[in-house]
Protein backbone atom coordinates (compact mmCIF):
# COMPACT_ATOMS: atom_id res chain seq x y z
CA MET A 1 122.47 101.19 115.73
CA SER A 2 125.12 99.27 113.88
CA VAL A 3 125.22 98.98 110.11
CA SER A 4 126.44 95.70 108.73
CA VAL A 5 126.89 94.37 105.24
CA GLY A 6 126.67 90.67 104.38
CA SER A 7 130.04 89.10 104.95
CA ASP A 8 129.71 86.43 102.27
CA THR A 9 131.71 87.95 99.44
CA SER A 10 130.51 85.20 97.10
CA GLU A 11 126.94 86.53 97.31
CA PRO A 12 125.84 88.15 94.02
CA LYS A 13 126.61 91.84 94.16
CA GLU A 14 123.04 92.96 93.38
CA LYS A 15 121.70 90.87 96.30
CA ARG A 16 124.06 92.25 98.95
CA GLY A 17 122.85 95.15 101.04
CA ILE A 18 122.73 96.83 104.42
CA ASN A 19 121.43 94.24 106.85
CA SER A 20 120.15 96.72 109.42
CA ILE A 21 117.76 98.21 106.84
CA ARG A 22 116.37 94.76 106.10
CA VAL A 23 115.92 94.09 109.81
CA GLY A 24 114.26 97.44 110.46
CA PHE A 25 111.81 97.02 107.63
CA ARG A 26 110.39 93.98 109.38
CA LEU A 27 108.66 96.56 111.58
CA ILE A 28 107.27 98.41 108.56
CA ARG A 29 105.98 95.16 107.04
CA ALA A 30 104.36 94.19 110.35
CA LEU A 31 102.54 97.53 110.42
CA LEU A 32 101.42 97.13 106.80
CA ASP A 33 100.16 93.58 107.42
CA ALA A 34 98.21 94.63 110.52
CA ASP A 35 96.57 97.55 108.65
CA ARG A 36 96.08 99.45 111.94
CA PRO A 37 98.16 101.44 114.44
CA MET A 38 100.35 99.26 116.68
CA THR A 39 102.19 99.77 119.94
CA LEU A 40 105.90 99.20 120.45
CA THR A 41 105.20 95.89 122.19
CA GLU A 42 102.94 94.69 119.37
CA LEU A 43 105.40 95.71 116.69
CA SER A 44 108.43 94.15 118.37
CA ARG A 45 106.50 90.90 118.84
CA ALA A 46 105.25 90.86 115.24
CA ALA A 47 108.73 91.60 113.88
CA GLY A 48 110.43 89.10 116.18
CA MET A 49 112.93 91.50 117.72
CA PRO A 50 113.69 92.79 121.24
CA THR A 51 111.68 95.81 122.37
CA GLY A 52 114.79 97.97 122.88
CA GLN A 53 116.04 97.28 119.35
CA ALA A 54 112.59 97.88 117.87
CA HIS A 55 112.34 101.21 119.68
CA LEU A 56 115.56 102.48 118.12
CA TYR A 57 114.29 101.66 114.64
CA LEU A 58 110.88 103.21 115.29
CA VAL A 59 112.42 106.46 116.54
CA SER A 60 114.56 106.63 113.40
CA PHE A 61 111.65 105.88 111.07
CA ALA A 62 109.49 108.48 112.83
CA GLY A 63 112.27 111.03 112.45
CA GLU A 64 112.23 110.52 108.67
CA GLY A 65 108.43 110.68 108.45
CA LEU A 66 107.95 107.01 107.61
CA LEU A 67 106.01 106.58 110.85
CA LEU A 68 103.89 108.71 113.13
CA HIS A 69 103.96 108.24 116.90
CA ASP A 70 100.83 109.04 118.90
CA SER A 71 102.05 110.12 122.33
CA ARG A 72 98.58 109.66 123.84
CA THR A 73 98.19 105.99 122.92
CA GLY A 74 101.82 105.10 122.35
CA SER A 75 100.89 103.59 118.96
CA TYR A 76 102.69 103.93 115.63
CA SER A 77 101.11 104.38 112.21
CA LEU A 78 102.38 105.12 108.73
CA GLY A 79 103.59 108.68 108.25
CA PRO A 80 103.65 111.28 105.45
CA THR A 81 106.84 109.96 103.86
CA ALA A 82 105.27 106.51 103.60
CA LEU A 83 102.22 108.09 101.97
CA ARG A 84 104.39 109.92 99.44
CA LEU A 85 106.25 106.71 98.61
CA GLY A 86 102.98 104.85 98.10
CA LEU A 87 101.42 107.55 95.93
CA GLY A 88 104.60 107.82 93.88
CA ALA A 89 104.57 104.07 93.23
CA MET A 90 100.88 104.08 92.31
CA ARG A 91 101.37 106.86 89.78
CA ARG A 92 103.86 104.60 88.00
CA MET A 93 101.69 101.48 88.08
CA ASP A 94 100.10 100.21 84.89
CA VAL A 95 98.20 96.98 85.45
CA LEU A 96 98.38 96.14 81.74
CA ASP A 97 102.17 96.31 81.63
CA LEU A 98 102.56 94.52 84.95
CA SER A 99 100.11 91.74 84.08
CA GLN A 100 101.83 90.51 80.92
CA GLU A 101 104.81 89.05 82.74
CA VAL A 102 102.48 87.44 85.27
CA ILE A 103 100.28 85.66 82.71
CA ASP A 104 103.31 84.64 80.61
CA ALA A 105 104.65 82.85 83.69
CA LEU A 106 101.22 81.34 84.41
CA SER A 107 100.90 80.06 80.85
CA ALA A 108 104.38 78.54 80.94
CA ARG A 109 103.67 76.92 84.31
CA THR A 110 100.31 75.38 83.39
CA GLY A 111 100.56 74.79 79.65
CA TYR A 112 97.24 76.58 79.13
CA ASN A 113 96.29 79.88 77.50
CA CYS A 114 95.85 82.88 79.81
CA TYR A 115 94.26 86.29 79.53
CA VAL A 116 93.56 89.50 81.41
CA SER A 117 90.32 91.45 81.12
CA VAL A 118 89.25 94.82 82.54
CA TRP A 119 85.88 96.50 83.00
CA SER A 120 85.39 99.13 80.28
CA GLY A 121 82.33 100.81 81.79
CA LEU A 122 80.08 98.95 79.36
CA SER A 123 81.42 95.40 79.55
CA PRO A 124 84.58 93.40 80.30
CA VAL A 125 87.22 93.66 77.56
CA LEU A 126 90.16 91.34 76.92
CA VAL A 127 93.34 93.43 77.11
CA GLN A 128 96.23 90.96 77.49
CA LYS A 129 96.80 87.36 76.50
CA SER A 130 99.47 84.69 76.65
CA GLU A 131 99.12 81.62 74.47
CA SER A 132 101.05 78.56 75.59
CA ALA A 133 103.26 76.83 73.04
CA GLU A 134 102.15 73.54 74.62
CA SER A 135 98.42 74.16 74.23
CA ILE A 136 96.66 72.15 71.52
CA PHE A 137 93.27 73.63 72.35
CA PRO A 138 92.23 76.46 70.01
CA VAL A 139 90.76 79.36 71.99
CA ALA A 140 89.74 82.63 70.39
CA LEU A 141 91.49 85.21 72.57
CA ARG A 142 91.07 88.45 70.64
CA LEU A 143 92.57 91.55 72.18
CA GLY A 144 89.90 94.21 72.51
CA GLY A 145 87.14 91.60 72.34
CA VAL A 146 84.13 91.83 74.64
CA VAL A 147 84.00 89.16 77.35
CA PRO A 148 80.40 87.92 77.86
CA LEU A 149 79.13 88.38 81.40
CA LEU A 150 76.84 85.38 81.75
CA SER A 151 78.52 82.70 79.64
CA THR A 152 82.19 82.99 80.68
CA VAL A 153 83.95 82.51 84.01
CA ALA A 154 85.54 85.97 83.78
CA GLY A 155 82.10 87.44 83.20
CA LEU A 156 80.73 85.65 86.27
CA VAL A 157 83.50 87.22 88.34
CA TYR A 158 82.41 90.70 87.26
CA VAL A 159 78.75 89.84 87.90
CA SER A 160 79.71 88.65 91.39
CA MET A 161 82.09 91.44 92.35
CA LEU A 162 80.46 94.52 90.79
CA ASP A 163 77.12 96.17 91.35
CA GLY A 164 75.29 99.29 90.29
CA PRO A 165 73.52 100.59 87.18
CA GLU A 166 76.44 100.00 84.79
CA LEU A 167 76.45 96.28 85.56
CA ASP A 168 72.65 96.03 85.50
CA GLU A 169 72.52 97.68 82.08
CA ALA A 170 75.28 95.43 80.73
CA ILE A 171 73.46 92.30 81.91
CA ALA A 172 70.18 93.55 80.40
CA ARG A 173 71.87 94.19 77.04
CA GLU A 174 73.42 90.74 77.07
CA ARG A 175 70.12 89.04 77.90
CA ALA A 176 68.31 90.98 75.19
CA GLY A 177 70.89 90.15 72.54
CA ALA A 178 71.46 86.49 73.41
CA SER A 179 70.53 83.81 70.90
CA GLY A 180 71.27 80.14 70.27
CA ARG A 181 73.70 78.52 72.67
CA ALA A 182 74.42 81.79 74.44
CA ALA A 183 70.70 82.15 75.19
CA ALA A 184 70.76 78.85 77.08
CA PHE A 185 73.62 80.10 79.25
CA VAL A 186 71.91 83.40 79.90
CA GLU A 187 68.57 81.81 80.72
CA ARG A 188 70.08 79.41 83.24
CA VAL A 189 72.10 82.10 84.97
CA ALA A 190 69.22 84.57 84.94
CA GLU A 191 66.53 82.27 86.30
CA GLU A 192 68.23 79.59 88.36
CA LYS A 193 71.71 80.40 89.40
CA MET A 194 72.47 84.10 89.78
CA ASP A 195 72.33 84.39 93.57
CA GLU A 196 74.03 81.03 94.10
CA ILE A 197 76.81 81.86 91.63
CA ARG A 198 77.46 85.22 93.27
CA ARG A 199 77.67 83.58 96.69
CA ARG A 200 80.03 80.83 95.51
CA VAL A 201 82.34 83.13 93.57
CA ARG A 202 82.63 85.57 96.47
CA GLU A 203 83.28 82.77 98.96
CA GLN A 204 85.79 81.00 96.72
CA GLY A 205 87.50 84.12 95.38
CA CYS A 206 87.33 82.64 91.87
CA ALA A 207 84.96 81.32 89.22
CA THR A 208 85.34 77.96 87.49
CA SER A 209 83.64 76.64 84.37
CA ASP A 210 81.63 74.06 86.29
CA LEU A 211 79.38 77.03 87.16
CA LEU A 212 78.34 77.25 83.50
CA ALA A 213 75.51 75.26 81.93
CA ARG A 214 77.44 73.74 79.00
CA PRO A 215 81.03 74.95 79.15
CA ALA A 216 82.88 74.83 75.85
CA SER A 217 86.19 74.79 77.71
CA SER A 218 87.71 74.31 81.12
CA ALA A 219 88.39 77.70 82.64
CA ILE A 220 89.26 79.51 85.86
CA ALA A 221 89.05 83.25 86.56
CA VAL A 222 90.29 85.23 89.57
CA PRO A 223 89.72 88.93 90.31
CA VAL A 224 92.48 91.35 91.29
CA PHE A 225 91.38 94.27 93.46
CA ASP A 226 93.21 97.58 93.66
CA TYR A 227 94.11 99.40 96.88
CA GLN A 228 90.58 100.86 97.02
CA LYS A 229 89.05 97.36 96.84
CA ARG A 230 87.77 97.93 93.30
CA VAL A 231 88.10 95.25 90.61
CA SER A 232 91.26 96.20 88.74
CA CYS A 233 91.25 93.22 86.36
CA VAL A 234 90.46 89.53 86.07
CA ILE A 235 93.06 86.88 85.26
CA GLY A 236 91.79 83.82 83.38
CA LEU A 237 93.09 80.38 82.43
CA VAL A 238 91.52 78.39 79.55
CA GLY A 239 92.01 74.77 78.50
CA PRO A 240 90.25 71.83 76.83
CA PRO A 241 86.89 70.80 78.31
CA GLY A 242 87.08 68.10 80.95
CA VAL A 243 90.88 68.21 81.22
CA MET A 244 91.76 70.98 83.66
CA ASP A 245 91.48 70.25 87.37
CA LEU A 246 88.82 72.67 88.61
CA SER A 247 88.84 71.59 92.25
CA LEU A 248 89.45 74.47 94.63
CA ASP A 249 92.41 72.67 96.20
CA GLY A 250 93.83 71.59 92.84
CA LYS A 251 96.99 72.76 91.11
CA SER A 252 95.27 74.81 88.40
CA VAL A 253 93.19 76.94 90.76
CA ALA A 254 96.22 77.37 93.02
CA ALA A 255 98.33 78.54 90.07
CA VAL A 256 95.80 81.18 89.00
CA LEU A 257 95.31 82.40 92.57
CA GLU A 258 99.08 82.67 92.98
CA ALA A 259 99.42 84.63 89.72
CA ALA A 260 96.60 86.97 90.72
CA SER A 261 98.17 87.46 94.15
CA THR A 262 101.51 88.31 92.52
CA LEU A 263 99.87 90.96 90.36
CA ALA A 264 97.88 92.28 93.33
CA ASP A 265 101.09 92.70 95.32
CA ARG A 266 102.56 94.76 92.49
CA ILE A 267 99.65 97.20 92.49
CA ALA A 268 99.30 97.32 96.30
CA GLY A 269 96.03 95.44 95.98
CA SER A 270 94.51 92.15 97.04
CA ILE A 271 92.66 89.09 95.73
CA THR A 272 90.33 88.99 98.74
CA PRO A 273 86.81 90.18 97.88
CA PRO A 274 85.67 93.16 99.96
CA ARG A 275 83.02 92.39 102.57
C-alpha cells in the first residue's frame, strides 16, 4: 500500500496529510453509515474503490483492532480499538460547551436569538443562549430559567420525545399551576391537541410556533439525540411574531435543523427521532 502526501505545496500546511489514510477511512465511514456488519464487496462498493484495494485496507484495519472480521460470514464490523476511540471521545464531550459555538453561528446566520435547553429531571431548563446583534425583538432568555412544556415550542419537543412518570408529573404540575394566558395554552394542548402535536413533531423532527394557540413569538425548536437515542438537548430559534418563515421547507427551519445536525455529529448523536 503506497503512502502519498498531497503534491500541492501551496496547500495550507494544517490541511495537508497522508492521502492513503483519507482513502482508507472511506471504508470506516461506510461501515459507520450502514450501522451493521458489511462484506468486502459491500464495503468496496460503498466506498467507491476496487475490491483488491479495499481488502488491503480492511486487513490493515483489522490488524490494528479497528475492525473485526467474521470468518464465517466474511463480514466486517467495528473492533475494540474503534470502541476505545469512541468511548474516549464521549468522555470528553460536553454538550453545553459544544453547543455554544453552534448557536452563535445560527444566530449570526439568521439574525434571531437562539438558545439551548436540557431536561433537568423536573422540567426543561435553558442552559445556553446567543442573542443576535441584529435582533430588535426583546426575548427573555434567562439562563437557568424553566422552559414551559405546554406553551413553548421547546417544551412541545420534550412532550413529544419523552415519556414516563417524570414527564407526566411535570405536565401535571404545569397544568395545576397555569393561570391567565398560560392557562389558555395549557387547556388547548391538554384537551384538543396533545396527540396531534406529538404526531406532527415526531414526523417533522421539529416544533414550530404555529402549533401554539396564541404564540407571542415566532419560534422553532429541534431535538438533538445522543448516541443512545435519548434527548440530549433542544436547540431553539426565536423571533418576532409573524415574521419568521415557519414552513418546513423554509430557510429558518433548515437553518435550525442544520445547526442541530452539526451538534449531533459532534456528540455522535442524531436529530432523527427514535422509532
